[in-house]
């Protein structure tokens, strides 16, 4: 279809009403620029009139930038039915479009304004007259329109019948309290379009029942051509319709066009996340950290076989890449995909060993990332399978006010030995117990030269620690490594590996 849906983003107005969110002036300007220049949204609602002097300065700053860059027609400000007060505020700020907040339900009209529908209509028309004098374009919000259509449709039609031939450019239909569902959203939007076929309508969804995107689908399917969104779904209570999900849905499910540049959605979403302090859930569609990550090995296998587990939401569309998680559900296909990414090839036997090691870590409910993979490979491929010395078990004790102690039981060539010793730290106690066993057996022990603890590069892992220990034995310097979720356990693994190495020296 050739129809192009118009997107108004209200992150800077409705989105800033998220509990705990307050954008600084420079942040609001940057977000406005991102929305217009990077995402190419059609319109941006940047603020409410009369909020504060600080907000006025910010609006004026955005308006100045927009004017210089020929975007002032895209900048909109929420205003109120207050004669010319909001209009004067907006005009002094340098803006040209006001979104007039009117009452879209009889309950709001009578209960909040304490006015009759006729009185409210008269007040609205006064604002429209003043706006024409000042050269300010007006769009009208029918606040609480959803309740109006549910409980007082005659009031909604009374307002519309008396405003349809005025200078209003667009009528905005908000589900202010997020009470609609896709069925009645479609029904009510179609009713408005059939009754007023020559007017332009926007739909403004809230997500209280987690139906915002579904309701947008229904509204557009009914014929609405303008949709309101926010970045990351910011907004009061449960938020608004998130722009990334809405755009993907419009493009893929309804096969409609927008002006939005898809491959910037993820980057802009994370910038707004930083400014707002509201974290994006890992499983949030399009922009969540995990939504393009395959976990099950069978899925990775299917992707290797002609992309059997792909859908139209290809990560490359949104400036992202598909990833394959490493954990207890991983199979060789997951490992293979990750190895391809980092440019490593393994033979079949090594692949099996690496896969088993990752599954073991996954069973401990640890997160294993691609950054961990080289460490795991190194750990697995440097493991000696025919060990003469084996760790049977050990116990480490750390108690406030007392010296750490360690009890160690090891097997040397089929015989078990056990000893307990105190130390200045847990690993020190472990080695003291170990060397006591060695001394009793008359076995030579190495000299520890260096001890280093690292996590995989990139800092995204909370799963693995690599401990590298430098040794000297009979004049020969060498290093051993251990990998575990605990640094002391990793050091013990490195030590046992060292003992098996010196058996052959």
Protein backbone atom coordinates (compact mmCIF):
# COMPACT_ATOMS: atom_id res chain seq x y z
CA UNK A 1 0.00 0.00 0.00
CA UNK A 2 1.15 3.57 -0.72
CA UNK A 3 -0.38 5.01 2.46
CA UNK A 4 2.23 6.55 4.74
CA UNK A 5 1.50 6.75 8.45
CA UNK A 6 2.50 9.96 10.22
CA UNK A 7 4.36 9.61 13.53
CA UNK A 8 4.18 12.19 16.31
CA UNK A 9 6.64 11.42 19.10
CA UNK A 10 5.79 12.79 22.53
CA UNK A 11 8.77 11.52 24.53
CA UNK A 12 9.61 15.07 25.59
CA UNK A 13 6.09 15.85 26.78
CA UNK A 14 4.10 12.74 27.70
CA UNK A 15 7.23 10.62 28.09
CA UNK A 16 8.69 13.05 30.61
CA UNK A 17 5.63 12.43 32.76
CA UNK A 18 7.13 9.03 33.60
CA UNK A 19 7.64 8.84 37.35
CA UNK A 20 11.17 9.92 38.20
CA UNK A 21 12.04 11.30 34.75
CA UNK A 22 13.11 14.90 34.24
CA UNK A 23 15.24 15.74 31.24
CA UNK A 24 17.80 18.53 31.47
CA UNK A 25 17.52 21.31 28.90
CA UNK A 26 20.50 20.10 26.89
CA UNK A 27 19.10 16.55 26.97
CA UNK A 28 15.72 17.70 25.64
CA UNK A 29 17.42 19.55 22.79
CA UNK A 30 19.52 16.50 21.96
CA UNK A 31 16.51 14.18 22.03
CA UNK A 32 14.57 16.57 19.77
CA UNK A 33 17.46 16.52 17.31
CA UNK A 34 17.69 12.73 17.46
CA UNK A 35 13.97 12.36 16.84
CA UNK A 36 13.93 14.73 13.88
CA UNK A 37 17.32 14.19 12.27
CA UNK A 38 18.19 10.60 13.15
CA UNK A 39 14.75 8.95 13.29
CA UNK A 40 13.02 11.35 10.87
CA UNK A 41 9.77 11.52 12.86
CA UNK A 42 7.12 13.73 11.29
CA UNK A 43 6.26 15.76 14.39
CA UNK A 44 7.64 16.16 17.91
CA UNK A 45 5.59 17.27 20.91
CA UNK A 46 8.25 18.85 23.09
CA UNK A 47 6.50 20.24 26.21
CA UNK A 48 3.42 21.57 27.95
CA UNK A 49 2.89 25.34 28.07
CA UNK A 50 3.13 27.26 31.34
CA UNK A 51 5.05 24.58 33.24
CA UNK A 52 7.99 26.68 34.44
CA UNK A 53 10.49 29.32 33.40
CA UNK A 54 13.06 26.59 32.92
CA UNK A 55 10.72 24.74 30.56
CA UNK A 56 10.07 27.98 28.68
CA UNK A 57 13.79 28.50 28.15
CA UNK A 58 14.15 24.93 26.93
CA UNK A 59 11.24 25.24 24.49
CA UNK A 60 12.65 28.50 23.18
CA UNK A 61 16.05 26.84 22.73
CA UNK A 62 14.54 23.93 20.78
CA UNK A 63 12.40 26.30 18.70
CA UNK A 64 15.45 28.39 17.81
CA UNK A 65 17.35 25.31 16.66
CA UNK A 66 14.32 24.04 14.72
CA UNK A 67 13.84 27.39 13.00
CA UNK A 68 17.48 27.55 11.89
CA UNK A 69 17.25 24.02 10.48
CA UNK A 70 13.81 24.48 8.90
CA UNK A 71 12.05 22.09 11.30
CA UNK A 72 9.87 24.55 13.21
CA UNK A 73 6.72 23.17 11.55
CA UNK A 74 7.49 19.81 13.20
CA UNK A 75 7.62 21.24 16.73
CA UNK A 76 4.40 21.12 18.78
CA UNK A 77 3.53 22.21 22.33
CA UNK A 78 0.58 21.16 24.48
CA UNK A 79 -1.64 24.10 25.41
CA UNK A 80 -4.84 24.65 27.37
CA UNK A 81 -8.29 26.18 26.97
CA UNK A 82 -7.30 29.39 28.76
CA UNK A 83 -8.04 32.23 26.33
CA UNK A 84 -4.72 33.47 24.96
CA UNK A 85 -2.45 32.58 27.90
CA UNK A 86 -1.04 29.34 26.45
CA UNK A 87 -0.95 30.88 23.00
CA UNK A 88 1.13 33.82 24.23
CA UNK A 89 3.52 31.45 26.04
CA UNK A 90 3.99 29.37 22.90
CA UNK A 91 4.35 32.39 20.66
CA UNK A 92 7.00 33.98 22.89
CA UNK A 93 8.90 30.69 22.84
CA UNK A 94 8.98 30.83 19.03
CA UNK A 95 6.74 27.86 18.25
CA UNK A 96 4.03 27.69 15.60
CA UNK A 97 1.82 24.72 16.56
CA UNK A 98 -0.29 24.19 19.69
CA UNK A 99 -1.99 20.94 20.63
CA UNK A 100 -5.07 22.16 22.47
CA UNK A 101 -6.14 19.98 25.39
CA UNK A 102 -9.94 19.78 25.36
CA UNK A 103 -12.24 17.45 27.24
CA UNK A 104 -13.25 14.37 25.25
CA UNK A 105 -15.75 12.94 27.74
CA UNK A 106 -18.78 14.42 29.43
CA UNK A 107 -17.44 13.21 32.77
CA UNK A 108 -14.27 15.27 32.41
CA UNK A 109 -16.14 18.29 31.07
CA UNK A 110 -18.62 18.46 33.92
CA UNK A 111 -16.55 16.91 36.68
CA UNK A 112 -13.24 18.70 36.15
CA UNK A 113 -14.16 21.92 34.39
CA UNK A 114 -17.55 22.31 36.10
CA UNK A 115 -18.93 23.48 32.77
CA UNK A 116 -21.61 22.42 30.35
CA UNK A 117 -20.66 21.10 26.90
CA UNK A 118 -21.88 24.38 25.39
CA UNK A 119 -19.70 26.44 27.72
CA UNK A 120 -16.64 24.32 27.01
CA UNK A 121 -17.26 24.57 23.25
CA UNK A 122 -17.50 28.36 23.50
CA UNK A 123 -14.18 28.50 25.36
CA UNK A 124 -12.52 26.32 22.73
CA UNK A 125 -13.72 28.56 19.92
CA UNK A 126 -12.27 31.62 21.67
CA UNK A 127 -8.86 29.94 21.68
CA UNK A 128 -9.22 29.09 17.99
CA UNK A 129 -10.01 32.74 17.21
CA UNK A 130 -6.97 33.96 19.12
CA UNK A 131 -4.77 31.33 17.44
CA UNK A 132 -5.79 32.53 13.99
CA UNK A 133 -4.87 36.09 14.92
CA UNK A 134 -1.43 34.96 16.09
CA UNK A 135 -0.78 32.63 13.17
CA UNK A 136 -0.56 29.53 15.35
CA UNK A 137 -1.87 26.23 14.01
CA UNK A 138 -4.13 24.21 16.28
CA UNK A 139 -4.55 20.48 16.73
CA UNK A 140 -7.13 19.35 19.27
CA UNK A 141 -6.68 16.64 21.89
CA UNK A 142 -10.00 15.12 22.95
CA UNK A 143 -8.73 14.13 26.38
CA UNK A 144 -10.37 10.96 27.75
CA UNK A 145 -11.90 10.30 24.31
CA UNK A 146 -11.94 6.56 25.06
CA UNK A 147 -14.25 7.08 28.04
CA UNK A 148 -16.25 9.51 25.96
CA UNK A 149 -16.89 6.89 23.29
CA UNK A 150 -17.70 4.28 25.91
CA UNK A 151 -20.05 6.34 28.06
CA UNK A 152 -20.97 9.64 26.37
CA UNK A 153 -20.58 9.36 22.59
CA UNK A 154 -23.25 12.02 22.06
CA UNK A 155 -20.96 14.48 23.84
CA UNK A 156 -18.02 13.53 21.60
CA UNK A 157 -20.14 14.01 18.49
CA UNK A 158 -21.49 17.32 19.83
CA UNK A 159 -17.94 18.67 20.04
CA UNK A 160 -16.92 17.23 16.71
CA UNK A 161 -20.01 18.50 14.89
CA UNK A 162 -19.25 22.00 16.11
CA UNK A 163 -15.48 21.91 15.48
CA UNK A 164 -15.28 20.04 12.18
CA UNK A 165 -15.59 23.20 10.09
CA UNK A 166 -13.14 25.29 12.13
CA UNK A 167 -9.43 25.86 11.61
CA UNK A 168 -8.42 22.74 13.58
CA UNK A 169 -5.81 20.81 11.58
CA UNK A 170 -5.99 17.46 13.35
CA UNK A 171 -8.18 15.81 15.97
CA UNK A 172 -6.25 13.64 18.41
CA UNK A 173 -8.02 10.64 19.92
CA UNK A 174 -6.39 9.66 23.22
CA UNK A 175 -7.01 6.50 25.19
CA UNK A 176 -5.97 8.61 28.16
CA UNK A 177 -6.40 5.94 30.82
CA UNK A 178 -5.39 2.98 28.66
CA UNK A 179 -8.79 1.31 28.96
CA UNK A 180 -9.43 0.27 25.36
CA UNK A 181 -8.69 -3.00 23.59
CA UNK A 182 -8.06 -3.66 19.89
CA UNK A 183 -11.71 -4.52 19.26
CA UNK A 184 -13.32 -1.35 20.59
CA UNK A 185 -10.38 0.78 19.46
CA UNK A 186 -11.00 -0.30 15.89
CA UNK A 187 -14.75 0.17 16.28
CA UNK A 188 -14.51 3.69 17.73
CA UNK A 189 -11.86 4.85 15.25
CA UNK A 190 -13.90 3.57 12.34
CA UNK A 191 -16.94 5.37 13.72
CA UNK A 192 -15.04 8.67 13.79
CA UNK A 193 -13.70 8.19 10.28
CA UNK A 194 -17.06 7.27 8.78
CA UNK A 195 -18.83 10.17 10.46
CA UNK A 196 -16.08 12.70 9.62
CA UNK A 197 -14.41 11.43 6.43
CA UNK A 198 -12.75 14.76 5.56
CA UNK A 199 -10.94 15.24 8.87
CA UNK A 200 -7.45 14.13 9.91
CA UNK A 201 -7.19 12.01 13.05
CA UNK A 202 -4.33 10.91 15.31
CA UNK A 203 -4.53 8.05 17.79
CA UNK A 204 -2.77 8.29 21.17
CA UNK A 205 -2.43 5.01 23.10
CA UNK A 206 -1.54 4.25 26.70
CA UNK A 207 -0.28 0.87 27.84
CA UNK A 208 -2.09 0.16 31.12
CA UNK A 209 -3.28 -3.27 29.92
CA UNK A 210 -0.17 -3.84 27.78
CA UNK A 211 -2.35 -3.29 24.72
CA UNK A 212 -0.90 -0.03 23.38
CA UNK A 213 0.74 -1.52 20.28
CA UNK A 214 -2.26 -3.77 19.63
CA UNK A 215 -4.57 -0.78 19.88
CA UNK A 216 -2.37 1.18 17.48
CA UNK A 217 -2.66 -1.75 15.07
CA UNK A 218 -6.46 -1.60 15.34
CA UNK A 219 -6.56 2.18 14.93
CA UNK A 220 -4.42 2.15 11.79
CA UNK A 221 -6.27 -0.86 10.42
CA UNK A 222 -9.47 1.15 10.82
CA UNK A 223 -7.96 4.00 8.79
CA UNK A 224 -6.24 6.35 11.25
CA UNK A 225 -3.23 7.98 9.59
CA UNK A 226 -1.47 9.59 12.56
CA UNK A 227 0.02 7.75 15.57
CA UNK A 228 1.60 9.04 18.79
CA UNK A 229 4.58 7.22 20.28
CA UNK A 230 7.36 7.64 22.81
CA UNK A 231 10.91 6.29 22.80
CA UNK A 232 11.08 3.08 24.88
CA UNK A 233 7.37 3.48 25.69
CA UNK A 234 7.99 6.17 28.31
CA UNK A 235 4.90 7.82 29.77
CA UNK A 236 2.64 8.03 32.78
CA UNK A 237 1.78 4.83 34.66
CA UNK A 238 2.51 1.94 32.26
CA UNK A 239 3.64 4.31 29.52
CA UNK A 240 2.74 4.96 25.89
CA UNK A 241 3.13 3.04 22.65
CA UNK A 242 6.89 2.52 22.05
CA UNK A 243 8.08 3.91 18.75
CA UNK A 244 10.30 0.94 17.86
CA UNK A 245 7.53 -1.63 18.28
CA UNK A 246 4.97 0.56 16.52
CA UNK A 247 7.20 1.16 13.52
CA UNK A 248 8.12 -2.51 13.14
CA UNK A 249 4.45 -3.48 13.44
CA UNK A 250 3.34 -0.92 10.83
CA UNK A 251 6.04 -1.93 8.38
CA UNK A 252 5.72 -5.71 8.78
CA UNK A 253 2.21 -6.50 9.94
CA UNK A 254 0.22 -3.84 8.06
CA UNK A 255 2.72 -3.37 5.19
CA UNK A 256 2.47 0.40 5.57
CA UNK A 257 5.16 3.03 5.20
CA UNK A 258 6.51 5.60 7.65
CA UNK A 259 9.33 8.09 7.38
CA UNK A 260 11.15 6.51 10.32
CA UNK A 261 14.77 5.41 9.81
CA UNK A 262 14.73 1.95 11.34
CA UNK A 263 18.44 1.38 11.81
CA UNK A 264 18.69 4.29 14.26
CA UNK A 265 15.90 3.09 16.58
CA UNK A 266 18.14 1.02 18.83
CA UNK A 267 20.83 3.68 19.22
CA UNK A 268 18.33 6.45 19.98
CA UNK A 269 16.50 4.17 22.42
CA UNK A 270 19.68 3.61 24.43
CA UNK A 271 20.55 7.31 24.47
CA UNK A 272 17.10 8.09 25.87
CA UNK A 273 17.56 5.22 28.35
CA UNK A 274 20.69 6.97 29.60
CA UNK A 275 19.01 10.37 29.89
CA UNK A 276 15.81 9.07 31.49
CA UNK A 277 17.40 6.61 33.90
CA UNK A 278 14.64 4.11 33.00
CA UNK A 279 16.27 0.83 32.01
CA UNK A 280 15.15 -0.94 28.87
CA UNK A 281 14.02 -4.49 29.76
CA UNK A 282 16.28 -7.12 28.17
CA UNK A 283 13.26 -8.68 26.44
CA UNK A 284 11.73 -5.45 25.12
CA UNK A 285 11.02 -5.91 21.39
CA UNK A 286 13.50 -4.36 18.95
CA UNK A 287 15.68 -2.52 21.51
CA UNK A 288 16.07 -5.04 24.37
CA UNK A 289 19.53 -6.53 24.83
CA UNK A 290 18.32 -10.13 24.47
CA UNK A 291 15.71 -9.95 21.70
CA UNK A 292 18.07 -10.95 18.90
CA UNK A 293 19.79 -13.65 20.94
CA UNK A 294 19.07 -17.32 20.24
CA UNK A 295 19.49 -19.50 23.34
CA UNK A 296 18.42 -22.98 22.31
CA UNK A 297 20.95 -25.01 20.39
CA UNK A 298 18.22 -26.28 18.04
CA UNK A 299 17.55 -22.68 16.97
CA UNK A 300 21.18 -22.06 16.12
CA UNK A 301 21.22 -25.34 14.21
CA UNK A 302 18.15 -24.22 12.29
CA UNK A 303 19.80 -20.90 11.46
CA UNK A 304 22.77 -22.82 10.08
CA UNK A 305 20.30 -24.68 7.87
CA UNK A 306 18.86 -21.91 5.73
CA UNK A 307 17.87 -19.55 8.57
CA UNK A 308 14.94 -21.66 9.73
CA UNK A 309 14.43 -19.61 12.90
CA UNK A 310 14.55 -16.14 11.35
CA UNK A 311 11.52 -13.87 11.02
CA UNK A 312 11.12 -10.49 9.34
CA UNK A 313 12.58 -8.72 12.38
CA UNK A 314 16.14 -9.04 11.16
CA UNK A 315 18.49 -7.35 13.64
CA UNK A 316 20.43 -5.65 10.85
CA UNK A 317 17.34 -3.54 10.12
CA UNK A 318 17.78 -1.89 13.50
CA UNK A 319 21.54 -1.50 13.52
CA UNK A 320 22.05 -4.71 15.49
CA UNK A 321 23.44 -8.23 15.03
CA UNK A 322 22.09 -11.66 15.88
CA UNK A 323 23.78 -13.35 18.83
CA UNK A 324 23.80 -16.90 20.13
CA UNK A 325 23.67 -17.31 23.89
CA UNK A 326 26.02 -19.61 25.71
CA UNK A 327 24.55 -21.59 28.58
CA UNK A 328 22.98 -24.86 29.61
CA UNK A 329 20.70 -24.97 26.54
CA UNK A 330 23.62 -24.36 24.17
CA UNK A 331 24.48 -26.92 21.56
CA UNK A 332 27.38 -27.16 19.16
CA UNK A 333 25.55 -24.90 16.73
CA UNK A 334 25.46 -22.04 19.26
CA UNK A 335 29.15 -22.52 19.91
CA UNK A 336 29.88 -22.66 16.20
CA UNK A 337 28.03 -19.39 15.55
CA UNK A 338 30.00 -17.62 18.27
CA UNK A 339 33.30 -19.11 17.10
CA UNK A 340 32.62 -17.88 13.58
CA UNK A 341 32.11 -14.38 14.95
CA UNK A 342 35.46 -14.32 16.76
CA UNK A 343 37.28 -16.20 13.98
CA UNK A 344 38.18 -19.42 15.82
CA UNK A 345 38.02 -22.96 14.42
CA UNK A 346 37.92 -26.09 16.58
CA UNK A 347 38.02 -29.76 15.75
CA UNK A 348 35.08 -31.97 16.69
CA UNK A 349 36.65 -33.31 19.90
CA UNK A 350 37.52 -29.84 21.13
CA UNK A 351 34.06 -28.57 20.23
CA UNK A 352 32.48 -31.26 22.40
CA UNK A 353 34.71 -30.34 25.33
CA UNK A 354 33.98 -26.63 25.03
CA UNK A 355 30.25 -27.27 24.73
CA UNK A 356 30.27 -29.43 27.86
CA UNK A 357 32.17 -26.76 29.81
CA UNK A 358 29.63 -24.10 28.83
CA UNK A 359 26.74 -26.35 29.83
CA UNK A 360 28.39 -26.91 33.22
CA UNK A 361 28.59 -23.16 33.77
CA UNK A 362 24.99 -22.74 32.60
CA UNK A 363 23.83 -25.29 35.16
CA UNK A 364 25.17 -22.93 37.81
CA UNK A 365 22.79 -20.29 36.42
CA UNK A 366 25.72 -18.21 35.24
CA UNK A 367 25.66 -15.89 32.24
CA UNK A 368 28.23 -16.90 29.65
CA UNK A 369 28.98 -14.35 26.93
CA UNK A 370 30.94 -14.33 23.72
CA UNK A 371 33.64 -12.42 25.60
CA UNK A 372 34.09 -15.48 27.83
CA UNK A 373 34.55 -17.91 24.96
CA UNK A 374 38.31 -17.51 24.36
CA UNK A 375 38.90 -18.05 28.09
CA UNK A 376 36.77 -21.17 28.12
CA UNK A 377 38.55 -22.54 25.05
CA UNK A 378 41.92 -21.88 26.62
CA UNK A 379 40.81 -23.50 29.87
CA UNK A 380 39.41 -26.60 28.18
CA UNK A 381 42.17 -27.17 25.64
CA UNK A 382 44.91 -26.86 28.25
CA UNK A 383 43.29 -29.45 30.56
CA UNK A 384 45.35 -32.61 30.92
CA UNK A 385 43.10 -35.63 30.91
CA UNK A 386 45.60 -38.19 32.26
CA UNK A 387 46.22 -36.48 35.61
CA UNK A 388 48.43 -38.20 38.13
CA UNK A 389 47.28 -35.74 40.78
CA UNK A 390 43.58 -35.17 41.28
CA UNK A 391 41.64 -32.93 43.62
CA UNK A 392 39.21 -35.04 45.66
CA UNK A 393 37.72 -32.18 47.66
CA UNK A 394 38.61 -29.17 49.71
CA UNK A 395 36.98 -26.98 52.37
CA UNK A 396 37.81 -23.30 52.87
CA UNK A 397 36.82 -21.42 56.03
CA UNK A 398 36.77 -17.65 56.45
CA UNK A 399 35.59 -16.38 59.85
CA UNK A 400 35.67 -12.86 61.26
CA UNK A 401 38.45 -12.57 63.84
CA UNK A 402 39.99 -15.96 63.04
CA UNK A 403 42.63 -17.04 60.54
CA UNK A 404 41.33 -18.68 57.38
CA UNK A 405 41.75 -22.43 57.26
CA UNK A 406 41.71 -25.01 54.52
CA UNK A 407 41.26 -28.78 54.50
CA UNK A 408 42.59 -30.43 51.37
CA UNK A 409 42.20 -34.02 50.13
CA UNK A 410 44.08 -34.97 46.98
CA UNK A 411 44.85 -38.19 45.16
CA UNK A 412 48.41 -38.88 44.04
CA UNK A 413 48.85 -41.91 41.81
CA UNK A 414 45.80 -43.61 43.29
CA UNK A 415 46.42 -42.82 46.97
CA UNK A 416 44.52 -40.19 48.97
CA UNK A 417 46.12 -37.66 51.30
CA UNK A 418 44.44 -35.09 53.54
CA UNK A 419 45.68 -32.17 55.62
CA UNK A 420 44.28 -29.03 57.30
CA UNK A 421 46.24 -25.79 57.72
CA UNK A 422 45.66 -22.13 58.63
CA UNK A 423 46.83 -19.28 56.44
CA UNK A 424 46.76 -15.55 55.83
CA UNK A 425 44.04 -16.01 53.20
CA UNK A 426 41.96 -18.82 51.80
CA UNK A 427 44.31 -19.61 48.93
CA UNK A 428 47.33 -19.28 51.22
CA UNK A 429 45.75 -21.77 53.65
CA UNK A 430 45.03 -24.10 50.72
CA UNK A 431 48.65 -24.07 49.54
CA UNK A 432 49.99 -24.53 53.11
CA UNK A 433 47.88 -27.67 53.50
CA UNK A 434 48.95 -28.85 50.05
CA UNK A 435 52.66 -28.27 50.65
CA UNK A 436 52.41 -30.05 53.99
CA UNK A 437 51.27 -33.14 52.11
CA UNK A 438 54.13 -32.67 49.63
CA UNK A 439 56.68 -32.22 52.44
CA UNK A 440 55.50 -35.41 54.14
CA UNK A 441 55.93 -37.26 50.85
CA UNK A 442 59.31 -35.69 50.17
CA UNK A 443 58.09 -34.21 46.91
CA UNK A 444 59.58 -31.01 45.55
CA UNK A 445 57.31 -27.99 45.29
CA UNK A 446 57.51 -24.99 42.93
CA UNK A 447 57.95 -21.31 43.74
CA UNK A 448 54.98 -19.00 43.11
CA UNK A 449 56.22 -15.95 41.17
CA UNK A 450 53.05 -14.07 40.24
CA UNK A 451 49.29 -14.28 40.73
CA UNK A 452 46.87 -12.45 38.47
CA UNK A 453 43.04 -12.37 38.38
CA UNK A 454 41.10 -11.13 35.34
CA UNK A 455 37.60 -11.21 33.90
CA UNK A 456 37.01 -11.57 30.16
CA UNK A 457 37.48 -8.35 28.23
CA UNK A 458 34.42 -6.23 27.61
CA UNK A 459 33.12 -6.28 31.17
CA UNK A 460 29.73 -7.74 30.23
CA UNK A 461 30.17 -10.99 32.14
CA UNK A 462 29.34 -11.79 35.73
CA UNK A 463 30.09 -15.48 35.21
CA UNK A 464 33.78 -16.15 34.93
CA UNK A 465 37.07 -15.30 36.59
CA UNK A 466 40.42 -16.38 35.19
CA UNK A 467 43.30 -16.77 37.61
CA UNK A 468 46.77 -16.98 36.08
CA UNK A 469 49.68 -18.06 38.28
CA UNK A 470 53.35 -17.83 37.29
CA UNK A 471 55.61 -20.55 38.70
CA UNK A 472 59.25 -21.55 38.75
CA UNK A 473 60.23 -25.18 39.11
CA UNK A 474 63.81 -26.43 38.81
CA UNK A 475 64.80 -23.23 37.05
CA UNK A 476 61.94 -23.31 34.55
CA UNK A 477 59.34 -20.51 34.41
CA UNK A 478 55.81 -21.32 33.29
CA UNK A 479 52.20 -20.29 33.88
CA UNK A 480 48.98 -22.14 34.53
CA UNK A 481 45.42 -20.85 34.33
CA UNK A 482 42.19 -21.74 36.03
CA UNK A 483 38.69 -20.63 35.10
CA UNK A 484 35.73 -20.55 37.45
CA UNK A 485 33.00 -18.29 38.84
CA UNK A 486 35.09 -17.85 42.01
CA UNK A 487 38.66 -16.55 41.91
CA UNK A 488 39.93 -18.86 44.67
CA UNK A 489 38.41 -21.89 42.95
CA UNK A 490 40.03 -20.73 39.71
CA UNK A 491 43.39 -20.45 41.51
CA UNK A 492 43.03 -23.98 42.90
CA UNK A 493 42.36 -25.30 39.40
CA UNK A 494 45.48 -23.51 38.15
CA UNK A 495 47.47 -25.04 41.02
CA UNK A 496 46.31 -28.62 40.37
CA UNK A 497 47.15 -28.13 36.71
CA UNK A 498 50.63 -26.98 37.75
CA UNK A 499 51.14 -30.08 39.93
CA UNK A 500 50.40 -32.36 36.98
CA UNK A 501 52.76 -30.39 34.78
CA UNK A 502 55.70 -30.68 37.18
CA UNK A 503 55.18 -34.42 37.50
CA UNK A 504 56.59 -34.65 33.97
CA UNK A 505 59.48 -32.21 34.44
